[in-house]
N, C-alpha and C. Protein backbone atom coordinates (compact mmCIF):
# COMPACT_ATOMS: atom_id res chain seq x y z
N MET A 1 0.86 -1.27 0.06
CA MET A 1 -0.17 0.22 -0.14
C MET A 1 0.91 1.16 -0.15
N LYS A 2 0.64 2.28 -0.83
CA LYS A 2 1.41 3.43 -0.99
C LYS A 2 1.04 4.32 0.55
N LEU A 3 1.97 4.79 0.75
CA LEU A 3 1.81 5.68 1.79
C LEU A 3 1.72 7.37 1.41
N GLN A 4 0.55 7.63 2.13
CA GLN A 4 0.29 9.40 1.33
C GLN A 4 0.20 9.95 2.50
N MET A 5 0.39 10.81 2.63
CA MET A 5 0.38 11.95 3.71
C MET A 5 -0.44 13.08 3.18
N LYS A 6 -0.67 13.98 4.22
CA LYS A 6 -1.41 15.40 3.56
C LYS A 6 -0.71 16.71 3.36
N PRO A 7 -0.38 17.10 2.37
CA PRO A 7 0.56 18.45 1.96
C PRO A 7 -0.06 19.30 3.06
N HIS A 8 1.25 20.16 3.52
CA HIS A 8 0.97 20.94 4.77
C HIS A 8 0.32 22.62 4.14
N ASN A 9 0.91 23.14 3.00
CA ASN A 9 0.44 23.98 2.23
C ASN A 9 0.67 25.04 3.36
N LEU A 10 1.68 25.27 4.29
CA LEU A 10 2.02 26.41 5.58
C LEU A 10 3.07 27.20 4.88
N PRO A 11 2.99 28.37 5.77
CA PRO A 11 4.23 29.21 5.30
C PRO A 11 5.60 28.51 6.07
N GLY A 12 5.80 27.66 6.65
CA GLY A 12 6.94 27.43 6.82
C GLY A 12 7.59 26.00 6.34
N TYR A 13 8.50 25.40 6.87
CA TYR A 13 9.00 24.38 6.21
C TYR A 13 9.34 23.49 6.66
N LEU A 14 9.15 21.81 6.42
CA LEU A 14 9.25 21.06 7.55
C LEU A 14 10.59 19.90 7.04
N PHE A 15 11.70 19.71 7.40
CA PHE A 15 12.82 18.85 6.79
C PHE A 15 12.96 17.66 8.15
N VAL A 16 12.82 16.64 7.85
CA VAL A 16 12.87 15.41 8.56
C VAL A 16 14.25 14.88 8.46
N PHE A 17 14.30 14.02 9.53
CA PHE A 17 15.57 13.28 8.90
C PHE A 17 15.64 11.70 9.69
N CYS A 18 15.50 10.66 8.90
CA CYS A 18 15.39 9.02 9.43
C CYS A 18 16.79 8.75 9.27
N GLY A 19 16.72 7.06 10.07
CA GLY A 19 17.86 6.24 9.80
C GLY A 19 18.00 5.64 10.67
N LEU A 20 19.14 4.63 10.92
CA LEU A 20 19.40 3.92 12.13
C LEU A 20 19.95 4.86 13.46
N ASP A 21 20.00 4.48 14.29
CA ASP A 21 20.69 4.94 15.51
C ASP A 21 22.35 4.90 15.35
N GLY A 22 22.88 5.82 15.35
CA GLY A 22 24.43 5.96 14.56
C GLY A 22 24.34 6.13 13.10
N SER A 23 23.32 6.67 12.62
CA SER A 23 23.97 6.73 11.22
C SER A 23 23.89 8.40 11.27
N GLY A 24 24.04 8.89 11.79
CA GLY A 24 24.48 10.43 11.68
C GLY A 24 23.35 11.62 11.52
N LYS A 25 22.33 11.37 11.99
CA LYS A 25 20.93 11.99 12.24
C LYS A 25 21.01 13.46 13.11
N THR A 26 22.07 13.19 14.28
CA THR A 26 22.00 13.98 15.15
C THR A 26 23.24 15.22 14.84
N THR A 27 24.26 14.64 14.20
CA THR A 27 25.15 15.59 13.47
C THR A 27 24.76 16.49 12.22
N GLN A 28 24.00 15.98 11.08
CA GLN A 28 23.46 16.31 10.46
C GLN A 28 22.30 17.56 10.45
N ILE A 29 21.99 17.30 11.46
CA ILE A 29 20.65 18.52 12.21
C ILE A 29 21.35 19.38 12.30
N GLY A 30 22.31 19.36 13.34
CA GLY A 30 23.28 20.34 13.82
C GLY A 30 23.57 20.94 13.29
N LEU A 31 24.28 20.72 12.07
CA LEU A 31 24.85 21.17 10.79
C LEU A 31 24.11 22.38 10.26
N LEU A 32 22.72 21.73 9.86
CA LEU A 32 21.83 22.23 8.93
C LEU A 32 21.03 23.54 9.92
N ARG A 33 20.87 23.20 11.44
CA ARG A 33 20.38 24.33 12.23
C ARG A 33 21.54 25.42 12.14
N ASP A 34 22.61 25.32 12.11
CA ASP A 34 23.72 26.07 12.41
C ASP A 34 23.43 26.87 10.89
N TYR A 35 23.61 26.17 10.23
CA TYR A 35 23.62 26.92 8.62
C TYR A 35 22.59 28.14 8.53
N MET A 36 21.43 26.89 8.61
CA MET A 36 19.85 27.99 8.49
C MET A 36 19.84 28.93 9.54
N GLN A 37 20.48 29.02 10.70
CA GLN A 37 20.59 30.29 11.28
C GLN A 37 21.43 31.39 10.86
N GLU A 38 22.73 30.93 10.32
CA GLU A 38 23.37 32.19 9.59
C GLU A 38 22.78 32.82 8.46
N GLN A 39 21.73 32.36 8.03
CA GLN A 39 21.18 32.82 6.96
C GLN A 39 20.15 33.42 7.39
N GLY A 40 20.00 33.88 8.68
CA GLY A 40 18.80 34.51 9.22
C GLY A 40 17.50 33.89 9.67
N LEU A 41 17.49 32.77 9.42
CA LEU A 41 16.20 31.90 9.61
C LEU A 41 16.19 31.52 11.03
N SER A 42 14.73 31.69 11.06
CA SER A 42 14.28 31.03 12.41
C SER A 42 14.12 29.44 12.39
N VAL A 43 15.07 28.77 13.10
CA VAL A 43 15.00 27.07 12.93
C VAL A 43 14.54 26.78 14.60
N GLN A 44 13.22 25.79 14.50
CA GLN A 44 13.43 24.84 15.62
C GLN A 44 13.24 23.52 15.22
N LEU A 45 13.69 22.66 16.70
CA LEU A 45 14.60 21.36 16.10
C LEU A 45 13.16 20.80 17.11
N THR A 46 12.95 19.68 16.80
CA THR A 46 12.04 18.66 17.79
C THR A 46 12.51 17.08 17.25
N LYS A 47 11.64 16.27 17.94
CA LYS A 47 11.99 15.00 17.99
C LYS A 47 10.83 13.83 18.26
N GLN A 48 11.06 13.07 17.27
CA GLN A 48 10.26 11.91 17.80
C GLN A 48 10.51 10.67 17.76
N PRO A 49 9.94 9.94 18.69
CA PRO A 49 8.78 10.06 19.35
C PRO A 49 8.98 10.87 20.51
N THR A 50 8.11 11.26 21.46
CA THR A 50 8.38 12.46 22.46
C THR A 50 8.60 12.09 23.43
N ASN A 51 9.18 12.38 24.58
CA ASN A 51 9.45 11.47 26.13
C ASN A 51 8.57 11.04 26.53
N ALA A 52 7.19 11.09 26.27
CA ALA A 52 5.75 10.91 26.59
C ALA A 52 6.05 9.31 26.22
N VAL A 53 6.53 8.75 25.45
CA VAL A 53 7.13 7.29 24.91
C VAL A 53 7.87 6.98 25.10
N ARG A 54 8.97 7.79 24.70
CA ARG A 54 10.46 7.22 25.12
C ARG A 54 11.02 6.50 26.66
N LYS A 55 9.80 7.43 27.61
CA LYS A 55 10.44 7.02 29.28
C LYS A 55 9.20 6.01 29.37
N SER A 56 8.28 5.34 28.19
CA SER A 56 7.03 4.64 28.84
C SER A 56 7.77 3.33 29.07
N GLN A 57 7.31 2.21 30.16
CA GLN A 57 8.09 1.21 30.21
C GLN A 57 7.94 0.40 28.69
N ILE A 58 7.00 0.03 27.94
CA ILE A 58 7.18 -0.74 26.74
C ILE A 58 8.22 -0.34 25.98
N PHE A 59 8.56 1.34 25.74
CA PHE A 59 9.30 1.74 24.67
C PHE A 59 11.02 1.16 25.59
N ARG A 60 11.15 1.43 26.57
CA ARG A 60 12.49 1.30 27.13
C ARG A 60 12.57 -0.18 27.36
N THR A 61 11.73 -1.22 27.14
CA THR A 61 11.81 -2.60 27.26
C THR A 61 12.27 -3.09 25.64
N TYR A 62 11.69 -2.57 25.16
CA TYR A 62 12.17 -2.82 23.54
C TYR A 62 13.66 -2.27 23.06
N MET A 63 13.48 -1.33 23.64
CA MET A 63 15.04 -0.33 23.27
C MET A 63 16.51 -1.13 24.12
N ASP A 64 16.03 -1.66 25.40
CA ASP A 64 16.95 -1.51 26.75
C ASP A 64 17.23 -3.52 26.33
N ALA A 65 16.25 -4.00 26.43
CA ALA A 65 16.31 -5.51 26.82
C ALA A 65 16.02 -6.64 25.67
N PRO A 66 16.82 -7.86 25.76
CA PRO A 66 16.41 -8.62 24.63
C PRO A 66 15.03 -9.36 24.92
N ASP A 67 14.33 -9.56 25.76
CA ASP A 67 13.16 -10.13 26.28
C ASP A 67 11.93 -9.08 26.09
N HIS A 68 11.26 -9.33 25.22
CA HIS A 68 10.22 -8.58 24.91
C HIS A 68 8.74 -9.22 24.95
N SER A 69 9.09 -10.17 25.45
CA SER A 69 7.76 -11.26 25.50
C SER A 69 6.36 -10.78 26.32
N ALA A 70 6.87 -9.80 27.08
CA ALA A 70 5.29 -9.25 28.18
C ALA A 70 5.06 -7.89 27.23
N TYR A 71 5.36 -7.91 26.03
CA TYR A 71 4.54 -6.73 25.51
C TYR A 71 4.78 -7.26 23.88
N ASP A 72 3.13 -6.58 23.43
CA ASP A 72 3.21 -6.77 21.93
C ASP A 72 3.64 -5.70 21.05
N TYR A 73 4.44 -5.89 19.90
CA TYR A 73 5.17 -4.67 19.05
C TYR A 73 3.98 -3.94 18.52
N ARG A 74 3.10 -4.34 18.18
CA ARG A 74 1.97 -3.59 17.87
C ARG A 74 1.57 -2.82 18.57
N ALA A 75 1.41 -2.79 19.56
CA ALA A 75 0.94 -2.13 20.75
C ALA A 75 1.91 -1.06 20.76
N LEU A 76 3.51 -1.17 21.15
CA LEU A 76 3.90 -0.24 21.04
C LEU A 76 3.99 0.95 19.56
N SER A 77 3.97 0.38 18.57
CA SER A 77 3.73 0.57 17.05
C SER A 77 2.33 2.23 17.26
N LEU A 78 1.39 1.41 18.16
CA LEU A 78 0.14 2.16 17.84
C LEU A 78 0.62 3.42 18.76
N LEU A 79 1.16 3.16 19.74
CA LEU A 79 1.53 3.93 20.98
C LEU A 79 2.49 5.12 20.13
N CYS A 80 3.35 4.56 19.35
CA CYS A 80 4.11 5.56 18.85
C CYS A 80 3.66 6.44 17.85
N ALA A 81 2.76 5.70 16.95
CA ALA A 81 1.75 6.58 15.89
C ALA A 81 0.97 7.58 16.27
N SER A 82 0.24 7.40 17.67
CA SER A 82 -0.80 8.09 18.42
C SER A 82 0.35 9.33 18.69
N ASP A 83 1.40 9.05 19.61
CA ASP A 83 2.25 10.37 19.86
C ASP A 83 2.31 11.13 18.66
N ARG A 84 3.16 10.34 17.43
CA ARG A 84 3.36 11.25 16.56
C ARG A 84 2.34 12.05 15.81
N VAL A 85 1.06 11.52 15.91
CA VAL A 85 -0.26 12.44 15.32
C VAL A 85 -0.39 13.76 16.50
N GLN A 86 -0.50 13.45 17.52
CA GLN A 86 -0.32 14.47 18.41
C GLN A 86 0.63 15.12 18.53
N HIS A 87 2.00 14.91 18.86
CA HIS A 87 3.04 15.67 18.27
C HIS A 87 3.11 16.89 16.91
N THR A 88 2.64 16.14 16.38
CA THR A 88 2.65 16.90 14.84
C THR A 88 1.73 17.84 14.48
N ASN A 89 0.68 17.35 15.10
CA ASN A 89 -0.60 18.56 14.88
C ASN A 89 -0.62 19.63 15.86
N LYS A 90 -0.06 19.01 16.92
CA LYS A 90 -0.26 20.21 18.33
C LYS A 90 0.93 20.88 18.13
N GLU A 91 2.04 20.29 17.52
CA GLU A 91 3.59 20.97 17.94
C GLU A 91 4.13 21.44 16.58
N ILE A 92 4.12 20.88 15.78
CA ILE A 92 4.73 21.17 14.50
C ILE A 92 4.33 21.83 13.58
N VAL A 93 2.84 21.58 13.48
CA VAL A 93 1.75 22.51 12.54
C VAL A 93 1.71 24.04 13.08
N PRO A 94 1.71 23.96 14.06
CA PRO A 94 1.76 25.47 14.77
C PRO A 94 2.79 26.13 14.31
N ARG A 95 4.04 25.41 14.27
CA ARG A 95 5.34 26.31 13.84
C ARG A 95 5.04 26.48 12.45
N LEU A 96 4.81 25.66 11.76
CA LEU A 96 4.71 25.44 10.21
C LEU A 96 3.81 26.82 10.15
N SER A 97 2.89 26.90 10.69
CA SER A 97 1.89 28.13 10.29
C SER A 97 1.93 29.79 10.77
N ALA A 98 3.39 29.28 11.72
CA ALA A 98 3.96 30.27 12.17
C ALA A 98 4.88 31.09 11.03
N GLY A 99 5.40 30.35 10.33
CA GLY A 99 6.34 30.40 9.32
C GLY A 99 7.47 30.04 9.53
N GLU A 100 7.70 29.30 10.90
CA GLU A 100 8.80 28.92 11.07
C GLU A 100 9.41 27.48 10.10
N LEU A 101 10.76 27.21 10.32
CA LEU A 101 11.59 26.33 9.55
C LEU A 101 11.71 25.49 10.78
N VAL A 102 11.17 24.23 10.79
CA VAL A 102 10.99 22.75 11.60
C VAL A 102 12.23 21.74 10.88
N ILE A 103 13.11 21.28 12.10
CA ILE A 103 13.85 20.26 11.82
C ILE A 103 13.23 19.05 12.55
N SER A 104 13.05 17.76 12.34
CA SER A 104 12.82 16.88 13.11
C SER A 104 13.33 15.93 12.88
N ASP A 105 14.09 15.67 14.55
CA ASP A 105 15.07 14.08 14.36
C ASP A 105 13.71 12.93 14.43
N ARG A 106 13.63 12.34 13.54
CA ARG A 106 12.86 11.33 13.11
C ARG A 106 11.38 11.65 12.51
N TYR A 107 10.62 10.59 12.13
CA TYR A 107 9.18 11.23 11.70
C TYR A 107 8.50 9.89 11.63
N PHE A 108 7.22 10.09 10.93
CA PHE A 108 6.49 9.02 10.68
C PHE A 108 7.18 8.10 9.83
N TYR A 109 7.94 8.12 9.19
CA TYR A 109 8.49 7.32 8.30
C TYR A 109 8.95 6.01 9.18
N SER A 110 9.64 6.50 10.40
CA SER A 110 10.67 6.05 11.26
C SER A 110 9.29 4.91 12.02
N CYS A 111 8.08 5.01 12.20
CA CYS A 111 7.37 4.18 12.85
C CYS A 111 7.04 3.15 11.78
N LEU A 112 6.71 3.61 10.52
CA LEU A 112 6.25 2.59 9.66
C LEU A 112 7.71 1.52 9.11
N ALA A 113 8.86 2.01 9.17
CA ALA A 113 10.21 1.38 9.03
C ALA A 113 9.99 -0.32 10.35
N ASN A 114 9.79 0.46 11.31
CA ASN A 114 10.40 -0.40 12.66
C ASN A 114 9.15 -1.17 12.72
N LEU A 115 8.19 -0.96 12.05
CA LEU A 115 6.68 -1.88 11.97
C LEU A 115 7.09 -3.18 11.07
N ARG A 116 7.66 -2.71 9.70
CA ARG A 116 7.61 -3.37 8.68
C ARG A 116 8.82 -4.03 9.06
N ALA A 117 9.73 -3.74 9.64
CA ALA A 117 11.22 -4.60 9.97
C ALA A 117 11.05 -5.95 10.94
N ARG A 118 9.83 -5.72 11.91
CA ARG A 118 9.54 -6.81 12.69
C ARG A 118 8.58 -7.83 11.95
N GLY A 119 8.19 -7.53 10.95
CA GLY A 119 7.66 -8.57 10.16
C GLY A 119 5.86 -8.21 10.03
N TYR A 120 5.67 -7.03 10.27
CA TYR A 120 4.25 -6.40 10.48
C TYR A 120 3.74 -5.69 8.91
N THR A 121 3.89 -6.45 7.91
CA THR A 121 4.28 -5.92 6.66
C THR A 121 2.68 -5.89 5.96
N LYS A 122 1.45 -6.28 6.80
CA LYS A 122 0.67 -6.27 6.22
C LYS A 122 -0.96 -5.35 6.97
N ASP A 123 -0.15 -4.87 8.10
CA ASP A 123 -0.98 -3.97 8.47
C ASP A 123 -1.39 -2.62 7.84
N GLN A 124 -2.75 -2.42 7.39
CA GLN A 124 -3.25 -1.41 6.69
C GLN A 124 -3.32 -0.02 7.75
N TRP A 125 -3.14 -0.18 9.16
CA TRP A 125 -4.05 0.90 9.74
C TRP A 125 -2.72 2.30 10.07
N ILE A 126 -1.66 1.64 9.59
CA ILE A 126 -0.34 2.51 9.75
C ILE A 126 -0.64 3.65 8.59
N TYR A 127 -0.87 3.17 7.17
CA TYR A 127 -1.22 3.62 6.27
C TYR A 127 -2.33 4.83 6.25
N GLU A 128 -3.72 4.25 7.51
CA GLU A 128 -4.79 5.12 7.33
C GLU A 128 -4.17 6.54 8.00
N ILE A 129 -3.41 6.04 9.10
CA ILE A 129 -3.24 7.38 10.08
C ILE A 129 -1.96 8.26 9.27
N ALA A 130 -1.20 7.57 8.67
CA ALA A 130 -0.39 8.41 7.79
C ALA A 130 -1.17 9.73 6.81
N GLY A 131 -2.19 9.34 6.88
CA GLY A 131 -3.13 10.61 6.16
C GLY A 131 -3.69 11.54 7.19
N CYS A 132 -3.24 11.59 8.19
CA CYS A 132 -3.29 12.54 9.18
C CYS A 132 -1.68 13.19 9.74
N ILE A 133 -0.97 13.13 8.82
CA ILE A 133 0.31 13.82 9.03
C ILE A 133 0.91 14.44 7.77
N PRO A 134 1.08 15.55 8.26
CA PRO A 134 1.70 16.19 7.07
C PRO A 134 2.62 15.76 6.48
N GLN A 135 2.57 15.96 5.31
CA GLN A 135 4.16 15.54 4.64
C GLN A 135 5.34 16.76 4.60
N PRO A 136 6.37 16.13 4.79
CA PRO A 136 7.60 17.01 4.78
C PRO A 136 8.18 17.57 3.94
N ASP A 137 8.80 18.66 3.44
CA ASP A 137 9.29 19.12 2.30
C ASP A 137 10.75 18.91 1.84
N ILE A 138 11.05 18.22 2.73
CA ILE A 138 12.14 17.12 2.23
C ILE A 138 12.36 16.11 3.82
N ALA A 139 12.39 14.64 3.22
CA ALA A 139 12.43 13.44 4.12
C ALA A 139 14.05 12.73 4.03
N PHE A 140 14.92 13.23 4.91
CA PHE A 140 16.56 13.07 4.69
C PHE A 140 16.24 11.18 4.99
N PHE A 141 16.95 10.31 4.71
CA PHE A 141 17.22 9.01 5.01
C PHE A 141 18.76 9.10 5.44
N MET A 142 18.92 9.15 6.47
CA MET A 142 20.89 9.12 6.70
C MET A 142 21.02 7.39 6.27
N ASP A 143 22.04 6.87 5.63
CA ASP A 143 22.36 5.68 5.27
C ASP A 143 23.63 5.49 5.74
N VAL A 144 24.09 4.28 6.24
CA VAL A 144 25.64 3.88 6.75
C VAL A 144 25.53 2.54 6.87
N ASP A 145 26.51 1.67 6.88
CA ASP A 145 26.27 -0.19 7.08
C ASP A 145 26.38 -0.11 8.49
N VAL A 146 25.44 -0.97 8.86
CA VAL A 146 25.59 -1.48 10.28
C VAL A 146 26.54 -1.33 11.10
N ASP A 147 27.18 -2.12 10.69
CA ASP A 147 28.29 -2.33 11.49
C ASP A 147 29.10 -1.03 11.98
N THR A 148 29.11 0.18 11.30
CA THR A 148 29.57 1.43 11.49
C THR A 148 28.55 2.21 12.50
N ALA A 149 27.07 2.11 12.54
CA ALA A 149 26.37 2.74 13.05
C ALA A 149 26.29 2.00 14.31
N VAL A 150 26.50 0.63 14.47
CA VAL A 150 26.86 0.50 15.86
C VAL A 150 27.57 0.81 16.46
N THR A 151 28.89 0.64 15.92
CA THR A 151 30.39 1.23 16.50
C THR A 151 29.96 2.85 16.95
N ARG A 152 29.43 3.53 16.04
CA ARG A 152 28.90 4.58 16.72
C ARG A 152 28.48 4.66 17.89
N VAL A 153 27.40 3.71 17.90
CA VAL A 153 26.45 4.16 19.21
C VAL A 153 27.17 3.58 20.53
N ARG A 154 27.94 2.44 20.40
CA ARG A 154 28.99 1.86 21.49
C ARG A 154 29.79 3.18 22.02
N SER A 155 30.54 4.02 21.14
CA SER A 155 31.28 4.96 21.63
C SER A 155 30.86 6.19 22.49
N ARG A 156 29.08 5.94 22.55
CA ARG A 156 28.82 6.98 23.40
C ARG A 156 28.98 6.47 24.72
N GLU A 157 29.09 7.47 25.59
CA GLU A 157 29.58 6.83 27.32
C GLU A 157 28.16 6.17 27.92
N ASN A 158 26.92 6.79 27.32
CA ASN A 158 25.71 6.37 28.32
C ASN A 158 24.97 5.26 27.44
N GLU A 159 25.60 5.09 26.25
CA GLU A 159 24.82 3.42 25.46
C GLU A 159 26.35 2.61 25.01
N LYS A 160 26.90 2.53 25.94
CA LYS A 160 28.21 1.53 25.21
C LYS A 160 27.94 0.08 25.97
N ASN A 161 26.81 0.06 26.92
CA ASN A 161 26.59 -1.22 26.91
C ASN A 161 25.17 -1.15 26.85
N ARG A 162 24.36 -0.59 25.74
CA ARG A 162 22.87 -0.76 25.35
C ARG A 162 22.85 -1.76 24.79
N TYR A 163 21.57 -2.73 25.03
CA TYR A 163 21.14 -3.90 24.02
C TYR A 163 21.19 -3.35 22.69
N ILE A 164 21.44 -4.24 21.91
CA ILE A 164 21.29 -3.56 20.48
C ILE A 164 20.77 -4.89 19.33
N ASP A 165 19.58 -5.10 18.84
CA ASP A 165 19.20 -6.47 17.94
C ASP A 165 19.70 -5.93 16.64
N ILE A 166 21.22 -6.74 16.74
CA ILE A 166 22.06 -6.50 15.40
C ILE A 166 21.19 -6.77 14.08
N ARG A 167 20.71 -7.96 14.26
CA ARG A 167 19.63 -8.12 12.88
C ARG A 167 18.94 -7.61 12.40
N LEU A 168 17.83 -6.74 13.36
CA LEU A 168 17.11 -5.78 13.35
C LEU A 168 17.41 -4.57 12.65
N GLN A 169 18.34 -4.46 13.06
CA GLN A 169 19.31 -3.02 12.32
C GLN A 169 19.39 -3.44 10.90
N TYR A 170 19.86 -4.36 10.49
CA TYR A 170 19.90 -4.98 9.14
C TYR A 170 18.34 -4.89 8.29
N ARG A 171 17.27 -5.26 8.93
CA ARG A 171 16.33 -5.14 8.37
C ARG A 171 15.66 -3.50 8.37
N LEU A 172 15.94 -3.27 9.33
CA LEU A 172 15.19 -1.64 9.39
C LEU A 172 16.22 -0.81 8.35
N ARG A 173 17.37 -1.27 8.03
CA ARG A 173 18.14 -0.29 7.00
C ARG A 173 17.75 -0.71 5.40
N GLU A 174 17.06 -1.91 5.53
CA GLU A 174 16.59 -2.36 4.32
C GLU A 174 15.13 -1.35 3.99
N GLN A 175 14.54 -1.32 5.06
CA GLN A 175 13.22 -0.47 5.27
C GLN A 175 13.37 0.98 4.97
N TYR A 176 14.55 1.31 5.56
CA TYR A 176 14.23 2.92 5.44
C TYR A 176 14.37 3.07 3.92
N LEU A 177 15.93 2.46 3.21
CA LEU A 177 16.06 2.57 1.98
C LEU A 177 14.93 2.45 1.11
N GLU A 178 14.08 1.31 1.20
CA GLU A 178 13.08 0.96 0.68
C GLU A 178 12.09 2.26 0.44
N ILE A 179 11.40 2.50 1.78
CA ILE A 179 10.80 3.93 1.86
C ILE A 179 10.87 4.94 1.31
N ALA A 180 12.59 5.38 1.46
CA ALA A 180 12.79 6.53 0.81
C ALA A 180 12.50 6.24 -0.69
N LYS A 181 13.05 5.32 -1.64
CA LYS A 181 12.40 5.28 -2.78
C LYS A 181 11.27 5.18 -3.35
N ASP A 182 10.48 4.80 -2.48
CA ASP A 182 8.98 4.78 -2.47
C ASP A 182 8.15 6.31 -2.42
N ILE A 183 8.86 6.64 -1.73
CA ILE A 183 8.39 8.43 -1.02
C ILE A 183 9.00 9.17 -1.94
N GLY A 184 10.36 9.17 -2.72
CA GLY A 184 10.94 10.37 -3.04
C GLY A 184 12.13 11.07 -1.82
N GLY A 185 12.35 10.29 -1.32
CA GLY A 185 13.04 10.78 -0.15
C GLY A 185 14.57 10.86 -0.46
N VAL A 186 15.34 11.90 0.17
CA VAL A 186 16.75 12.01 -0.06
C VAL A 186 17.90 10.99 0.84
N ILE A 187 18.26 10.41 0.21
CA ILE A 187 19.28 9.11 0.61
C ILE A 187 20.52 10.05 0.49
N ILE A 188 21.03 10.30 2.14
CA ILE A 188 22.67 10.76 2.36
C ILE A 188 23.44 9.66 2.82
N HIS A 189 24.42 9.43 2.41
CA HIS A 189 25.49 8.69 3.06
C HIS A 189 26.15 8.94 3.61
N THR A 190 26.55 8.55 4.97
CA THR A 190 27.09 9.43 5.74
C THR A 190 28.22 8.12 6.45
N GLY A 191 28.69 7.25 5.84
CA GLY A 191 29.64 6.61 6.22
C GLY A 191 31.29 7.23 6.00
N LYS A 192 31.35 7.98 4.95
CA LYS A 192 32.86 8.89 5.42
C LYS A 192 32.55 10.38 6.11
N SER A 193 32.84 11.02 5.34
CA SER A 193 33.15 12.90 5.17
C SER A 193 31.75 13.39 5.59
N ILE A 194 31.68 13.62 6.69
CA ILE A 194 30.75 14.82 7.27
C ILE A 194 30.50 16.02 6.60
N GLU A 195 31.59 16.82 6.03
CA GLU A 195 31.07 17.72 5.07
C GLU A 195 30.27 17.22 3.86
N GLU A 196 30.88 16.35 3.29
CA GLU A 196 30.57 15.56 1.58
C GLU A 196 29.17 15.70 2.15
N ALA A 197 28.28 14.69 3.23
CA ALA A 197 27.43 14.61 3.71
C ALA A 197 26.50 16.06 3.99
N PHE A 198 26.97 16.84 4.65
CA PHE A 198 26.27 18.15 4.75
C PHE A 198 25.92 19.06 3.27
N GLN A 199 27.09 18.79 2.64
CA GLN A 199 26.57 19.22 1.41
C GLN A 199 25.70 18.81 0.16
N ALA A 200 25.63 17.55 0.24
CA ALA A 200 24.25 17.16 0.00
C ALA A 200 23.01 17.41 0.71
N VAL A 201 22.87 17.77 2.43
CA VAL A 201 21.73 18.18 2.73
C VAL A 201 21.56 19.46 2.54
N ARG A 202 22.40 20.15 2.35
CA ARG A 202 22.24 21.81 2.17
C ARG A 202 21.99 21.97 0.97
N ALA A 203 22.45 21.52 -0.39
CA ALA A 203 21.82 21.46 -1.45
C ALA A 203 20.55 21.05 -1.80
N SER A 204 20.08 20.05 -1.05
CA SER A 204 18.64 19.66 -1.49
C SER A 204 17.86 20.80 -0.25
N VAL A 205 17.84 21.25 0.41
CA VAL A 205 17.34 22.29 1.23
C VAL A 205 17.13 23.33 0.43
N MET A 206 18.57 23.96 0.22
CA MET A 206 18.45 25.57 -0.56
C MET A 206 17.57 25.30 -1.81
N GLU A 207 17.71 24.06 -2.51
CA GLU A 207 16.78 23.84 -3.88
C GLU A 207 15.15 24.23 -3.60
N VAL A 208 14.99 23.62 -2.67
CA VAL A 208 13.11 23.97 -1.89
C VAL A 208 13.30 25.08 -1.75
N LEU A 209 13.99 25.38 -0.92
CA LEU A 209 13.66 27.37 -0.57
C LEU A 209 14.10 28.08 -1.70
N GLN A 210 14.86 27.69 -2.60
CA GLN A 210 15.14 28.95 -3.72
C GLN A 210 13.63 28.63 -4.62
N LYS A 211 12.91 27.57 -4.72
CA LYS A 211 11.80 27.28 -5.46
C LYS A 211 10.65 27.73 -5.22
N SER A 212 10.32 27.95 -3.92
CA SER A 212 9.24 27.62 -3.14
C SER A 212 8.95 29.18 -2.93
N SER A 213 7.67 29.87 -3.15
CA SER A 213 7.43 31.32 -3.12
C SER A 213 6.84 31.82 -1.67
N ARG A 214 6.98 30.37 -0.59
CA ARG A 214 6.72 30.64 0.94
C ARG A 214 7.90 31.24 1.35
N ALA A 215 7.62 31.83 2.70
CA ALA A 215 8.83 32.82 3.04
C ALA A 215 8.80 32.58 4.87
N CYS A 216 9.85 31.76 5.30
CA CYS A 216 9.98 31.25 6.57
C CYS A 216 10.35 32.67 7.19
N ASN A 217 9.97 33.18 8.28
CA ASN A 217 10.16 34.26 9.41
C ASN A 217 11.60 34.34 9.64
N GLN A 218 11.95 35.62 9.74
CA GLN A 218 13.37 35.75 9.94
C GLN A 218 13.40 36.62 10.94
């Protein structure tokens, strides 16, 4: 089933970054924020899912432990999807309406990728919910090999002992690349030069800004 979101048609801009943990999202988001601010634009950073979900027991179980037998993953996916609908329409949309440039660390595509990577490939509800989610101006997909991504995560002091389902990471990477292809997302390879990756991000953003008649607040 094709993923169809609603065009936001608002004066602001929405750029979202998806990809594996350790794929370089945070680095590229920071570089884009700094660059946009240097251009005199008002930039707002946000993150999905919100802490309401991130700090929940079901989310932490799936993130931090190999035993998930106490929970149904579909229940977590529904919780995350609900959180994204609330956050997008009550936090992101008002900022877009105010003419701001919003950069989101993860977006609805991450919810879909995780669901499909865990074998829930026939669920239709997530595509129905997508119709309530504004389509971003650009969806960036940070791509790097799984070994590099895991090494980066392990290098963080607070995550060096974190449980990571390695097989799942391979399936997730495949899903992110497939989704990017299906929706016309921009794949950014982040395995080598940070600057080269950012040049690709910046070029895509500037192309959208230059072609659009909308004007962000300055």
